[in-house]
Full PDB file with SEQRES, HELIX, SHEET, SSBOND, CRYST1, ORIGX, SCALE, CONECT and MASTER records, all heavy atoms in Angstrom:
SEQRES   1 A   41  ASN GLU ASP ASP GLY MET LEU LEU TRP LEU VAL VAL ILE          
SEQRES   2 A   41  VAL PRO VAL VAL VAL PHE PHE ALA ALA LEU TRP ALA LEU          
SEQRES   3 A   41  VAL ASN LEU SER MET ARG ASP LYS LEU LEU ALA GLU GLU          
SEQRES   4 A   41  PRO PRO                                                      
HELIX    1 AA1 MET A    6  LEU A   35  1                                  30    
CRYST1    1.000    1.000    1.000  90.00  90.00  90.00 P 1           1          
ORIGX1      1.000000  0.000000  0.000000        0.00000                         
ORIGX2      0.000000  1.000000  0.000000        0.00000                         
ORIGX3      0.000000  0.000000  1.000000        0.00000                         
SCALE1      1.000000  0.000000  0.000000        0.00000                         
SCALE2      0.000000  1.000000  0.000000        0.00000                         
SCALE3      0.000000  0.000000  1.000000        0.00000                         
ATOM      1  N   ASN A   1       0.815  -1.218   0.000  1.00  0.00           N  
ATOM      2  CA  ASN A   1       0.000   0.000   0.000  1.00  0.00           C  
ATOM      3  C   ASN A   1       0.845   1.263   0.000  1.00  0.00           C  
ATOM      4  O   ASN A   1       0.296   2.364  -0.051  1.00  0.00           O  
ATOM      5  CB  ASN A   1      -0.924   0.013   1.222  1.00  0.00           C  
ATOM      6  CG  ASN A   1      -1.905  -1.128   1.175  1.00  0.00           C  
ATOM      7  OD1 ASN A   1      -2.375  -1.510   0.109  1.00  0.00           O  
ATOM      8  ND2 ASN A   1      -2.189  -1.696   2.330  1.00  0.00           N  
ATOM      9  N   GLU A   2       2.141   1.139   0.095  1.00  0.00           N  
ATOM     10  CA  GLU A   2       3.034   2.298   0.161  1.00  0.00           C  
ATOM     11  C   GLU A   2       3.432   2.705  -1.256  1.00  0.00           C  
ATOM     12  O   GLU A   2       4.407   2.239  -1.807  1.00  0.00           O  
ATOM     13  CB  GLU A   2       4.273   1.959   0.992  1.00  0.00           C  
ATOM     14  CG  GLU A   2       5.214   3.099   1.208  1.00  0.00           C  
ATOM     15  CD  GLU A   2       4.546   4.288   1.842  1.00  0.00           C  
ATOM     16  OE1 GLU A   2       3.962   4.159   2.911  1.00  0.00           O  
ATOM     17  OE2 GLU A   2       4.612   5.369   1.228  1.00  0.00           O  
ATOM     18  N   ASP A   3       2.640   3.585  -1.855  1.00  0.00           N  
ATOM     19  CA  ASP A   3       2.931   4.029  -3.214  1.00  0.00           C  
ATOM     20  C   ASP A   3       3.022   5.555  -3.317  1.00  0.00           C  
ATOM     21  O   ASP A   3       2.948   6.111  -4.403  1.00  0.00           O  
ATOM     22  CB  ASP A   3       1.889   3.501  -4.194  1.00  0.00           C  
ATOM     23  CG  ASP A   3       0.477   3.930  -3.827  1.00  0.00           C  
ATOM     24  OD1 ASP A   3       0.309   4.627  -2.812  1.00  0.00           O  
ATOM     25  OD2 ASP A   3      -0.449   3.559  -4.552  1.00  0.00           O  
ATOM     26  N   ASP A   4       3.193   6.229  -2.177  1.00  0.00           N  
ATOM     27  CA  ASP A   4       3.284   7.684  -2.184  1.00  0.00           C  
ATOM     28  C   ASP A   4       4.688   8.189  -2.482  1.00  0.00           C  
ATOM     29  O   ASP A   4       4.884   9.362  -2.720  1.00  0.00           O  
ATOM     30  CB  ASP A   4       2.842   8.259  -0.827  1.00  0.00           C  
ATOM     31  CG  ASP A   4       1.384   7.968  -0.546  1.00  0.00           C  
ATOM     32  OD1 ASP A   4       0.627   7.824  -1.521  1.00  0.00           O  
ATOM     33  OD2 ASP A   4       1.023   7.881   0.631  1.00  0.00           O  
ATOM     34  N   GLY A   5       5.643   7.315  -2.446  1.00  0.00           N  
ATOM     35  CA  GLY A   5       7.020   7.724  -2.671  1.00  0.00           C  
ATOM     36  C   GLY A   5       7.709   8.054  -1.359  1.00  0.00           C  
ATOM     37  O   GLY A   5       7.082   8.243  -0.311  1.00  0.00           O  
ATOM     38  N   MET A   6       9.018   8.128  -1.418  1.00  0.00           N  
ATOM     39  CA  MET A   6       9.808   8.334  -0.213  1.00  0.00           C  
ATOM     40  C   MET A   6       9.979   9.814   0.146  1.00  0.00           C  
ATOM     41  O   MET A   6      10.253  10.138   1.292  1.00  0.00           O  
ATOM     42  CB  MET A   6      11.180   7.685  -0.363  1.00  0.00           C  
ATOM     43  CG  MET A   6      11.126   6.178  -0.375  1.00  0.00           C  
ATOM     44  SD  MET A   6      10.642   5.489   1.212  1.00  0.00           S  
ATOM     45  CE  MET A   6       9.014   4.864   0.895  1.00  0.00           C  
ATOM     46  N   LEU A   7       9.806  10.717  -0.811  1.00  0.00           N  
ATOM     47  CA  LEU A   7       9.980  12.133  -0.503  1.00  0.00           C  
ATOM     48  C   LEU A   7       8.960  12.604   0.526  1.00  0.00           C  
ATOM     49  O   LEU A   7       9.295  13.360   1.440  1.00  0.00           O  
ATOM     50  CB  LEU A   7       9.878  12.971  -1.775  1.00  0.00           C  
ATOM     51  CG  LEU A   7      10.104  14.468  -1.588  1.00  0.00           C  
ATOM     52  CD1 LEU A   7      11.505  14.723  -1.051  1.00  0.00           C  
ATOM     53  CD2 LEU A   7       9.896  15.209  -2.885  1.00  0.00           C  
ATOM     54  N   LEU A   8       7.734  12.130   0.419  1.00  0.00           N  
ATOM     55  CA  LEU A   8       6.707  12.491   1.402  1.00  0.00           C  
ATOM     56  C   LEU A   8       7.116  12.060   2.798  1.00  0.00           C  
ATOM     57  O   LEU A   8       6.965  12.806   3.762  1.00  0.00           O  
ATOM     58  CB  LEU A   8       5.372  11.856   1.024  1.00  0.00           C  
ATOM     59  CG  LEU A   8       4.233  12.044   2.027  1.00  0.00           C  
ATOM     60  CD1 LEU A   8       3.878  13.514   2.124  1.00  0.00           C  
ATOM     61  CD2 LEU A   8       3.036  11.229   1.645  1.00  0.00           C  
ATOM     62  N   TRP A   9       7.695  10.856   2.920  1.00  0.00           N  
ATOM     63  CA  TRP A   9       8.128  10.381   4.229  1.00  0.00           C  
ATOM     64  C   TRP A   9       9.273  11.204   4.772  1.00  0.00           C  
ATOM     65  O   TRP A   9       9.350  11.465   5.969  1.00  0.00           O  
ATOM     66  CB  TRP A   9       8.489   8.900   4.169  1.00  0.00           C  
ATOM     67  CG  TRP A   9       7.261   8.067   4.231  1.00  0.00           C  
ATOM     68  CD1 TRP A   9       6.674   7.389   3.214  1.00  0.00           C  
ATOM     69  CD2 TRP A   9       6.421   7.873   5.360  1.00  0.00           C  
ATOM     70  NE1 TRP A   9       5.535   6.772   3.643  1.00  0.00           N  
ATOM     71  CE2 TRP A   9       5.359   7.057   4.960  1.00  0.00           C  
ATOM     72  CE3 TRP A   9       6.462   8.312   6.680  1.00  0.00           C  
ATOM     73  CZ2 TRP A   9       4.349   6.664   5.831  1.00  0.00           C  
ATOM     74  CZ3 TRP A   9       5.462   7.920   7.547  1.00  0.00           C  
ATOM     75  CH2 TRP A   9       4.424   7.110   7.127  1.00  0.00           C  
ATOM     76  N   LEU A  10      10.176  11.617   3.889  1.00  0.00           N  
ATOM     77  CA  LEU A  10      11.285  12.455   4.354  1.00  0.00           C  
ATOM     78  C   LEU A  10      10.784  13.800   4.861  1.00  0.00           C  
ATOM     79  O   LEU A  10      11.312  14.339   5.830  1.00  0.00           O  
ATOM     80  CB  LEU A  10      12.309  12.643   3.241  1.00  0.00           C  
ATOM     81  CG  LEU A  10      13.171  11.426   2.943  1.00  0.00           C  
ATOM     82  CD1 LEU A  10      14.087  11.705   1.768  1.00  0.00           C  
ATOM     83  CD2 LEU A  10      13.981  11.026   4.150  1.00  0.00           C  
ATOM     84  N   VAL A  11       9.753  14.339   4.222  1.00  0.00           N  
ATOM     85  CA  VAL A  11       9.185  15.617   4.670  1.00  0.00           C  
ATOM     86  C   VAL A  11       8.566  15.471   6.056  1.00  0.00           C  
ATOM     87  O   VAL A  11       8.594  16.400   6.861  1.00  0.00           O  
ATOM     88  CB  VAL A  11       8.148  16.130   3.638  1.00  0.00           C  
ATOM     89  CG1 VAL A  11       7.351  17.295   4.172  1.00  0.00           C  
ATOM     90  CG2 VAL A  11       8.838  16.499   2.339  1.00  0.00           C  
ATOM     91  N   VAL A  12       8.043  14.309   6.365  1.00  0.00           N  
ATOM     92  CA  VAL A  12       7.450  14.065   7.683  1.00  0.00           C  
ATOM     93  C   VAL A  12       8.516  13.675   8.702  1.00  0.00           C  
ATOM     94  O   VAL A  12       8.533  14.178   9.830  1.00  0.00           O  
ATOM     95  CB  VAL A  12       6.365  12.959   7.582  1.00  0.00           C  
ATOM     96  CG1 VAL A  12       5.888  12.543   8.957  1.00  0.00           C  
ATOM     97  CG2 VAL A  12       5.217  13.426   6.725  1.00  0.00           C  
ATOM     98  N   ILE A  13       9.425  12.794   8.320  1.00  0.00           N  
ATOM     99  CA  ILE A  13      10.380  12.218   9.261  1.00  0.00           C  
ATOM    100  C   ILE A  13      11.428  13.224   9.722  1.00  0.00           C  
ATOM    101  O   ILE A  13      11.740  13.296  10.914  1.00  0.00           O  
ATOM    102  CB  ILE A  13      11.064  10.979   8.642  1.00  0.00           C  
ATOM    103  CG1 ILE A  13      10.054   9.860   8.516  1.00  0.00           C  
ATOM    104  CG2 ILE A  13      12.239  10.523   9.472  1.00  0.00           C  
ATOM    105  CD1 ILE A  13      10.559   8.680   7.731  1.00  0.00           C  
ATOM    106  N   VAL A  14      11.984  13.982   8.803  1.00  0.00           N  
ATOM    107  CA  VAL A  14      13.098  14.879   9.160  1.00  0.00           C  
ATOM    108  C   VAL A  14      12.704  15.875  10.250  1.00  0.00           C  
ATOM    109  O   VAL A  14      13.414  15.992  11.252  1.00  0.00           O  
ATOM    110  CB  VAL A  14      13.673  15.565   7.903  1.00  0.00           C  
ATOM    111  CG1 VAL A  14      14.628  16.676   8.270  1.00  0.00           C  
ATOM    112  CG2 VAL A  14      14.363  14.539   7.019  1.00  0.00           C  
ATOM    113  N   PRO A  15      11.575  16.602  10.131  1.00  0.00           N  
ATOM    114  CA  PRO A  15      11.232  17.527  11.232  1.00  0.00           C  
ATOM    115  C   PRO A  15      10.978  16.820  12.562  1.00  0.00           C  
ATOM    116  O   PRO A  15      11.369  17.332  13.615  1.00  0.00           O  
ATOM    117  CB  PRO A  15       9.963  18.231  10.747  1.00  0.00           C  
ATOM    118  CG  PRO A  15       9.929  18.036   9.286  1.00  0.00           C  
ATOM    119  CD  PRO A  15      10.645  16.762   9.001  1.00  0.00           C  
ATOM    120  N   VAL A  16      10.346  15.658  12.535  1.00  0.00           N  
ATOM    121  CA  VAL A  16      10.061  14.933  13.781  1.00  0.00           C  
ATOM    122  C   VAL A  16      11.357  14.483  14.452  1.00  0.00           C  
ATOM    123  O   VAL A  16      11.550  14.674  15.657  1.00  0.00           O  
ATOM    124  CB  VAL A  16       9.119  13.727  13.516  1.00  0.00           C  
ATOM    125  CG1 VAL A  16       9.014  12.842  14.736  1.00  0.00           C  
ATOM    126  CG2 VAL A  16       7.757  14.208  13.079  1.00  0.00           C  
ATOM    127  N   VAL A  17      12.264  13.908  13.674  1.00  0.00           N  
ATOM    128  CA  VAL A  17      13.524  13.418  14.238  1.00  0.00           C  
ATOM    129  C   VAL A  17      14.399  14.579  14.715  1.00  0.00           C  
ATOM    130  O   VAL A  17      14.993  14.520  15.789  1.00  0.00           O  
ATOM    131  CB  VAL A  17      14.264  12.527  13.220  1.00  0.00           C  
ATOM    132  CG1 VAL A  17      15.665  12.199  13.694  1.00  0.00           C  
ATOM    133  CG2 VAL A  17      13.478  11.251  12.972  1.00  0.00           C  
ATOM    134  N   VAL A  18      14.462  15.663  13.936  1.00  0.00           N  
ATOM    135  CA  VAL A  18      15.270  16.822  14.335  1.00  0.00           C  
ATOM    136  C   VAL A  18      14.709  17.452  15.605  1.00  0.00           C  
ATOM    137  O   VAL A  18      15.469  17.800  16.524  1.00  0.00           O  
ATOM    138  CB  VAL A  18      15.359  17.847  13.183  1.00  0.00           C  
ATOM    139  CG1 VAL A  18      15.899  19.178  13.659  1.00  0.00           C  
ATOM    140  CG2 VAL A  18      16.208  17.296  12.055  1.00  0.00           C  
ATOM    141  N   PHE A  19      13.386  17.586  15.699  1.00  0.00           N  
ATOM    142  CA  PHE A  19      12.780  18.158  16.900  1.00  0.00           C  
ATOM    143  C   PHE A  19      13.078  17.295  18.119  1.00  0.00           C  
ATOM    144  O   PHE A  19      13.481  17.806  19.167  1.00  0.00           O  
ATOM    145  CB  PHE A  19      11.267  18.305  16.722  1.00  0.00           C  
ATOM    146  CG  PHE A  19      10.564  18.724  17.980  1.00  0.00           C  
ATOM    147  CD1 PHE A  19      10.639  20.033  18.422  1.00  0.00           C  
ATOM    148  CD2 PHE A  19       9.841  17.806  18.728  1.00  0.00           C  
ATOM    149  CE1 PHE A  19      10.002  20.425  19.595  1.00  0.00           C  
ATOM    150  CE2 PHE A  19       9.206  18.189  19.894  1.00  0.00           C  
ATOM    151  CZ  PHE A  19       9.290  19.502  20.333  1.00  0.00           C  
ATOM    152  N   PHE A  20      12.906  15.980  17.982  1.00  0.00           N  
ATOM    153  CA  PHE A  20      13.159  15.117  19.132  1.00  0.00           C  
ATOM    154  C   PHE A  20      14.636  15.117  19.510  1.00  0.00           C  
ATOM    155  O   PHE A  20      14.973  15.140  20.692  1.00  0.00           O  
ATOM    156  CB  PHE A  20      12.690  13.683  18.880  1.00  0.00           C  
ATOM    157  CG  PHE A  20      12.934  12.808  20.068  1.00  0.00           C  
ATOM    158  CD1 PHE A  20      12.086  12.874  21.160  1.00  0.00           C  
ATOM    159  CD2 PHE A  20      14.029  11.980  20.130  1.00  0.00           C  
ATOM    160  CE1 PHE A  20      12.319  12.103  22.287  1.00  0.00           C  
ATOM    161  CE2 PHE A  20      14.274  11.206  21.243  1.00  0.00           C  
ATOM    162  CZ  PHE A  20      13.414  11.268  22.324  1.00  0.00           C  
ATOM    163  N   ALA A  21      15.531  15.084  18.522  1.00  0.00           N  
ATOM    164  CA  ALA A  21      16.960  15.083  18.817  1.00  0.00           C  
ATOM    165  C   ALA A  21      17.378  16.377  19.515  1.00  0.00           C  
ATOM    166  O   ALA A  21      18.189  16.354  20.452  1.00  0.00           O  
ATOM    167  CB  ALA A  21      17.768  14.892  17.533  1.00  0.00           C  
ATOM    168  N   ALA A  22      16.818  17.510  19.086  1.00  0.00           N  
ATOM    169  CA  ALA A  22      17.135  18.783  19.737  1.00  0.00           C  
ATOM    170  C   ALA A  22      16.612  18.801  21.169  1.00  0.00           C  
ATOM    171  O   ALA A  22      17.315  19.235  22.099  1.00  0.00           O  
ATOM    172  CB  ALA A  22      16.550  19.940  18.936  1.00  0.00           C  
ATOM    173  N   LEU A  23      15.394  18.341  21.358  1.00  0.00           N  
ATOM    174  CA  LEU A  23      14.822  18.274  22.709  1.00  0.00           C  
ATOM    175  C   LEU A  23      15.660  17.353  23.597  1.00  0.00           C  
ATOM    176  O   LEU A  23      15.993  17.704  24.732  1.00  0.00           O  
ATOM    177  CB  LEU A  23      13.385  17.764  22.641  1.00  0.00           C  
ATOM    178  CG  LEU A  23      12.683  17.532  23.968  1.00  0.00           C  
ATOM    179  CD1 LEU A  23      12.396  18.863  24.636  1.00  0.00           C  
ATOM    180  CD2 LEU A  23      11.405  16.745  23.753  1.00  0.00           C  
ATOM    181  N   TRP A  24      16.033  16.186  23.081  1.00  0.00           N  
ATOM    182  CA  TRP A  24      16.829  15.227  23.835  1.00  0.00           C  
ATOM    183  C   TRP A  24      18.183  15.821  24.219  1.00  0.00           C  
ATOM    184  O   TRP A  24      18.626  15.694  25.358  1.00  0.00           O  
ATOM    185  CB  TRP A  24      17.008  13.961  22.999  1.00  0.00           C  
ATOM    186  CG  TRP A  24      17.798  12.895  23.669  1.00  0.00           C  
ATOM    187  CD1 TRP A  24      17.341  11.965  24.551  1.00  0.00           C  
ATOM    188  CD2 TRP A  24      19.193  12.648  23.512  1.00  0.00           C  
ATOM    189  NE1 TRP A  24      18.375  11.153  24.943  1.00  0.00           N  
ATOM    190  CE2 TRP A  24      19.521  11.550  24.322  1.00  0.00           C  
ATOM    191  CE3 TRP A  24      20.196  13.239  22.759  1.00  0.00           C  
ATOM    192  CZ2 TRP A  24      20.807  11.034  24.399  1.00  0.00           C  
ATOM    193  CZ3 TRP A  24      21.476  12.733  22.835  1.00  0.00           C  
ATOM    194  CH2 TRP A  24      21.768  11.642  23.650  1.00  0.00           C  
ATOM    195  N   ALA A  25      18.835  16.478  23.269  1.00  0.00           N  
ATOM    196  CA  ALA A  25      20.156  17.064  23.543  1.00  0.00           C  
ATOM    197  C   ALA A  25      20.060  18.184  24.579  1.00  0.00           C  
ATOM    198  O   ALA A  25      20.894  18.261  25.490  1.00  0.00           O  
ATOM    199  CB  ALA A  25      20.773  17.585  22.254  1.00  0.00           C  
ATOM    200  N   LEU A  26      19.059  19.049  24.463  1.00  0.00           N  
ATOM    201  CA  LEU A  26      18.909  20.147  25.421  1.00  0.00           C  
ATOM    202  C   LEU A  26      18.634  19.628  26.834  1.00  0.00           C  
ATOM    203  O   LEU A  26      19.213  20.113  27.807  1.00  0.00           O  
ATOM    204  CB  LEU A  26      17.803  21.099  24.976  1.00  0.00           C  
ATOM    205  CG  LEU A  26      18.116  21.947  23.756  1.00  0.00           C  
ATOM    206  CD1 LEU A  26      16.878  22.713  23.317  1.00  0.00           C  
ATOM    207  CD2 LEU A  26      19.263  22.903  24.051  1.00  0.00           C  
ATOM    208  N   VAL A  27      17.762  18.649  26.932  1.00  0.00           N  
ATOM    209  CA  VAL A  27      17.453  18.082  28.246  1.00  0.00           C  
ATOM    210  C   VAL A  27      18.691  17.418  28.840  1.00  0.00           C  
ATOM    211  O   VAL A  27      19.005  17.608  30.025  1.00  0.00           O  
ATOM    212  CB  VAL A  27      16.274  17.089  28.151  1.00  0.00           C  
ATOM    213  CG1 VAL A  27      16.148  16.256  29.413  1.00  0.00           C  
ATOM    214  CG2 VAL A  27      14.982  17.821  27.861  1.00  0.00           C  
ATOM    215  N   ASN A  28      19.414  16.654  28.037  1.00  0.00           N  
ATOM    216  CA  ASN A  28      20.600  15.969  28.559  1.00  0.00           C  
ATOM    217  C   ASN A  28      21.718  16.937  28.903  1.00  0.00           C  
ATOM    218  O   ASN A  28      22.441  16.714  29.881  1.00  0.00           O  
ATOM    219  CB  ASN A  28      21.088  14.910  27.571  1.00  0.00           C  
ATOM    220  CG  ASN A  28      20.369  13.610  27.799  1.00  0.00           C  
ATOM    221  OD1 ASN A  28      20.541  12.983  28.820  1.00  0.00           O  
ATOM    222  ND2 ASN A  28      19.531  13.233  26.850  1.00  0.00           N  
ATOM    223  N   LEU A  29      21.890  17.981  28.127  1.00  0.00           N  
ATOM    224  CA  LEU A  29      22.919  18.967  28.466  1.00  0.00           C  
ATOM    225  C   LEU A  29      22.603  19.653  29.792  1.00  0.00           C  
ATOM    226  O   LEU A  29      23.481  19.843  30.634  1.00  0.00           O  
ATOM    227  CB  LEU A  29      23.066  19.999  27.354  1.00  0.00           C  
ATOM    228  CG  LEU A  29      23.804  19.523  26.109  1.00  0.00           C  
ATOM    229  CD1 LEU A  29      23.692  20.559  24.998  1.00  0.00           C  
ATOM    230  CD2 LEU A  29      25.256  19.231  26.426  1.00  0.00           C  
ATOM    231  N   SER A  30      21.343  20.024  29.985  1.00  0.00           N  
ATOM    232  CA  SER A  30      20.986  20.689  31.240  1.00  0.00           C  
ATOM    233  C   SER A  30      21.048  19.727  32.428  1.00  0.00           C  
ATOM    234  O   SER A  30      21.508  20.094  33.504  1.00  0.00           O  
ATOM    235  CB  SER A  30      19.605  21.332  31.129  1.00  0.00           C  
ATOM    236  OG  SER A  30      18.616  20.340  31.032  1.00  0.00           O  
ATOM    237  N   MET A  31      20.616  18.486  32.226  1.00  0.00           N  
ATOM    238  CA  MET A  31      20.662  17.511  33.309  1.00  0.00           C  
ATOM    239  C   MET A  31      22.103  17.152  33.667  1.00  0.00           C  
ATOM    240  O   MET A  31      22.431  16.992  34.837  1.00  0.00           O  
ATOM    241  CB  MET A  31      19.902  16.234  32.924  1.00  0.00           C  
ATOM    242  CG  MET A  31      18.417  16.403  32.813  1.00  0.00           C  
ATOM    243  SD  MET A  31      17.643  16.890  34.354  1.00  0.00           S  
ATOM    244  CE  MET A  31      17.831  15.421  35.293  1.00  0.00           C  
ATOM    245  N   ARG A  32      22.953  17.048  32.671  1.00  0.00           N  
ATOM    246  CA  ARG A  32      24.349  16.699  32.953  1.00  0.00           C  
ATOM    247  C   ARG A  32      25.022  17.806  33.750  1.00  0.00           C  
ATOM    248  O   ARG A  32      25.788  17.539  34.678  1.00  0.00           O  
ATOM    249  CB  ARG A  32      25.096  16.452  31.648  1.00  0.00           C  
ATOM    250  CG  ARG A  32      26.511  16.016  31.889  1.00  0.00           C  
ATOM    251  CD  ARG A  32      27.223  15.687  30.615  1.00  0.00           C  
ATOM    252  NE  ARG A  32      28.550  15.177  30.947  1.00  0.00           N  
ATOM    253  CZ  ARG A  32      29.528  15.059  30.108  1.00  0.00           C  
ATOM    254  NH1 ARG A  32      29.349  15.377  28.855  1.00  0.00           N  
ATOM    255  NH2 ARG A  32      30.687  14.593  30.491  1.00  0.00           N  
ATOM    256  N   ASP A  33      24.743  19.057  33.388  1.00  0.00           N  
ATOM    257  CA  ASP A  33      25.330  20.168  34.133  1.00  0.00           C  
ATOM    258  C   ASP A  33      24.819  20.232  35.570  1.00  0.00           C  
ATOM    259  O   ASP A  33      25.559  20.567  36.484  1.00  0.00           O  
ATOM    260  CB  ASP A  33      25.042  21.487  33.415  1.00  0.00           C  
ATOM    261  CG  ASP A  33      25.802  21.612  32.100  1.00  0.00           C  
ATOM    262  OD1 ASP A  33      26.789  20.863  31.911  1.00  0.00           O  
ATOM    263  OD2 ASP A  33      25.405  22.443  31.262  1.00  0.00           O  
ATOM    264  N   LYS A  34      23.543  19.902  35.775  1.00  0.00           N  
ATOM    265  CA  LYS A  34      22.969  19.972  37.119  1.00  0.00           C  
ATOM    266  C   LYS A  34      23.390  18.796  37.996  1.00  0.00           C  
ATOM    267  O   LYS A  34      23.587  18.951  39.189  1.00  0.00           O  
ATOM    268  CB  LYS A  34      21.441  20.001  37.023  1.00  0.00           C  
ATOM    269  CG  LYS A  34      20.898  21.294  36.491  1.00  0.00           C  
ATOM    270  CD  LYS A  34      19.391  21.229  36.405  1.00  0.00           C  
ATOM    271  CE  LYS A  34      18.851  22.492  35.760  1.00  0.00           C  
ATOM    272  NZ  LYS A  34      17.414  22.425  35.551  1.00  0.00           N  
ATOM    273  N   LEU A  35      23.485  17.612  37.405  1.00  0.00           N  
ATOM    274  CA  LEU A  35      23.751  16.414  38.196  1.00  0.00           C  
ATOM    275  C   LEU A  35      25.230  16.131  38.419  1.00  0.00           C  
ATOM    276  O   LEU A  35      25.607  15.567  39.440  1.00  0.00           O  
ATOM    277  CB  LEU A  35      23.110  15.196  37.523  1.00  0.00           C  
ATOM    278  CG  LEU A  35      21.592  15.182  37.467  1.00  0.00           C  
ATOM    279  CD1 LEU A  35      21.111  13.976  36.692  1.00  0.00           C  
ATOM    280  CD2 LEU A  35      21.006  15.175  38.870  1.00  0.00           C  
ATOM    281  N   LEU A  36      26.057  16.488  37.459  1.00  0.00           N  
ATOM    282  CA  LEU A  36      27.459  16.101  37.531  1.00  0.00           C  
ATOM    283  C   LEU A  36      28.340  17.338  37.621  1.00  0.00           C  
ATOM    284  O   LEU A  36      28.361  18.162  36.723  1.00  0.00           O  
ATOM    285  CB  LEU A  36      27.852  15.284  36.297  1.00  0.00           C  
ATOM    286  CG  LEU A  36      27.012  14.037  36.041  1.00  0.00           C  
ATOM    287  CD1 LEU A  36      27.335  13.457  34.691  1.00  0.00           C  
ATOM    288  CD2 LEU A  36      27.229  13.028  37.133  1.00  0.00           C  
ATOM    289  N   ALA A  37      29.078  17.437  38.715  1.00  0.00           N  
ATOM    290  CA  ALA A  37      29.989  18.574  38.886  1.00  0.00           C  
ATOM    291  C   ALA A  37      31.312  18.320  38.189  1.00  0.00           C  
ATOM    292  O   ALA A  37      32.022  19.241  37.834  1.00  0.00           O  
ATOM    293  CB  ALA A  37      30.214  18.833  40.370  1.00  0.00           C  
ATOM    294  N   GLU A  38      31.648  17.059  37.996  1.00  0.00           N  
ATOM    295  CA  GLU A  38      32.917  16.715  37.356  1.00  0.00           C  
ATOM    296  C   GLU A  38      32.644  15.662  36.289  1.00  0.00           C  
ATOM    297  O   GLU A  38      31.507  15.259  36.058  1.00  0.00           O  
ATOM    298  CB  GLU A  38      33.905  16.192  38.387  1.00  0.00           C  
ATOM    299  CG  GLU A  38      33.372  14.987  39.134  1.00  0.00           C  
ATOM    300  CD  GLU A  38      34.114  14.741  40.420  1.00  0.00           C  
ATOM    301  OE1 GLU A  38      34.441  15.717  41.105  1.00  0.00           O  
ATOM    302  OE2 GLU A  38      34.360  13.573  40.710  1.00  0.00           O  
ATOM    303  N   GLU A  39      33.682  15.194  35.660  1.00  0.00           N  
ATOM    304  CA  GLU A  39      33.548  14.183  34.608  1.00  0.00           C  
ATOM    305  C   GLU A  39      32.987  12.892  35.211  1.00  0.00           C  
ATOM    306  O   GLU A  39      33.486  12.408  36.230  1.00  0.00           O  
ATOM    307  CB  GLU A  39      34.918  13.929  33.982  1.00  0.00           C  
ATOM    308  CG  GLU A  39      34.871  13.237  32.653  1.00  0.00           C  
ATOM    309  CD  GLU A  39      34.167  14.034  31.566  1.00  0.00           C  
ATOM    310  OE1 GLU A  39      34.195  15.273  31.589  1.00  0.00           O  
ATOM    311  OE2 GLU A  39      33.578  13.380  30.699  1.00  0.00           O  
ATOM    312  N   PRO A  40      31.937  12.303  34.603  1.00  0.00           N  
ATOM    313  CA  PRO A  40      31.350  11.080  35.168  1.00  0.00           C  
ATOM    314  C   PRO A  40      32.284   9.887  35.006  1.00  0.00           C  
ATOM    315  O   PRO A  40      33.095   9.835  34.083  1.00  0.00           O  
ATOM    316  CB  PRO A  40      30.074  10.889  34.351  1.00  0.00           C  
ATOM    317  CG  PRO A  40      30.331  11.577  33.065  1.00  0.00           C  
ATOM    318  CD  PRO A  40      31.240  12.735  33.391  1.00  0.00           C  
ATOM    319  N   PRO A  41      32.159   8.899  35.892  1.00  0.00           N  
ATOM    320  CA  PRO A  41      33.012   7.711  35.804  1.00  0.00           C  
ATOM    321  C   PRO A  41      32.565   6.751  34.692  1.00  0.00           C  
ATOM    322  O   PRO A  41      33.200   5.742  34.472  1.00  0.00           O  
ATOM    323  CB  PRO A  41      32.862   7.061  37.177  1.00  0.00           C  
ATOM    324  CG  PRO A  41      31.523   7.497  37.630  1.00  0.00           C  
ATOM    325  CD  PRO A  41      31.320   8.894  37.068  1.00  0.00           C  
TER     326      PRO A  41                                                      
MASTER        0    0    0    1    0    0    0    6  325    1    0    4          
END                                                                             
Protein backbone atom coordinates (compact mmCIF):
# COMPACT_ATOMS: atom_id res chain seq x y z
CA ASN A 1 0.00 0.00 0.00
CA GLU A 2 3.03 2.30 0.16
CA ASP A 3 2.93 4.03 -3.21
CA ASP A 4 3.28 7.68 -2.18
CA GLY A 5 7.02 7.72 -2.67
CA MET A 6 9.81 8.33 -0.21
CA LEU A 7 9.98 12.13 -0.50
CA LEU A 8 6.71 12.49 1.40
CA TRP A 9 8.13 10.38 4.23
CA LEU A 10 11.29 12.45 4.35
CA VAL A 11 9.19 15.62 4.67
CA VAL A 12 7.45 14.07 7.68
CA ILE A 13 10.38 12.22 9.26
CA VAL A 14 13.10 14.88 9.16
CA PRO A 15 11.23 17.53 11.23
CA VAL A 16 10.06 14.93 13.78
CA VAL A 17 13.52 13.42 14.24
CA VAL A 18 15.27 16.82 14.33
CA PHE A 19 12.78 18.16 16.90
CA PHE A 20 13.16 15.12 19.13
CA ALA A 21 16.96 15.08 18.82
CA ALA A 22 17.13 18.78 19.74
CA LEU A 23 14.82 18.27 22.71
CA TRP A 24 16.83 15.23 23.84
CA ALA A 25 20.16 17.06 23.54
CA LEU A 26 18.91 20.15 25.42
CA VAL A 27 17.45 18.08 28.25
CA ASN A 28 20.60 15.97 28.56
CA LEU A 29 22.92 18.97 28.47
CA SER A 30 20.99 20.69 31.24
CA MET A 31 20.66 17.51 33.31
CA ARG A 32 24.35 16.70 32.95
CA ASP A 33 25.33 20.17 34.13
CA LYS A 34 22.97 19.97 37.12
CA LEU A 35 23.75 16.41 38.20
CA LEU A 36 27.46 16.10 37.53
CA ALA A 37 29.99 18.57 38.89
CA GLU A 38 32.92 16.72 37.36
CA GLU A 39 33.55 14.18 34.61
CA PRO A 40 31.35 11.08 35.17
CA PRO A 41 33.01 7.71 35.80
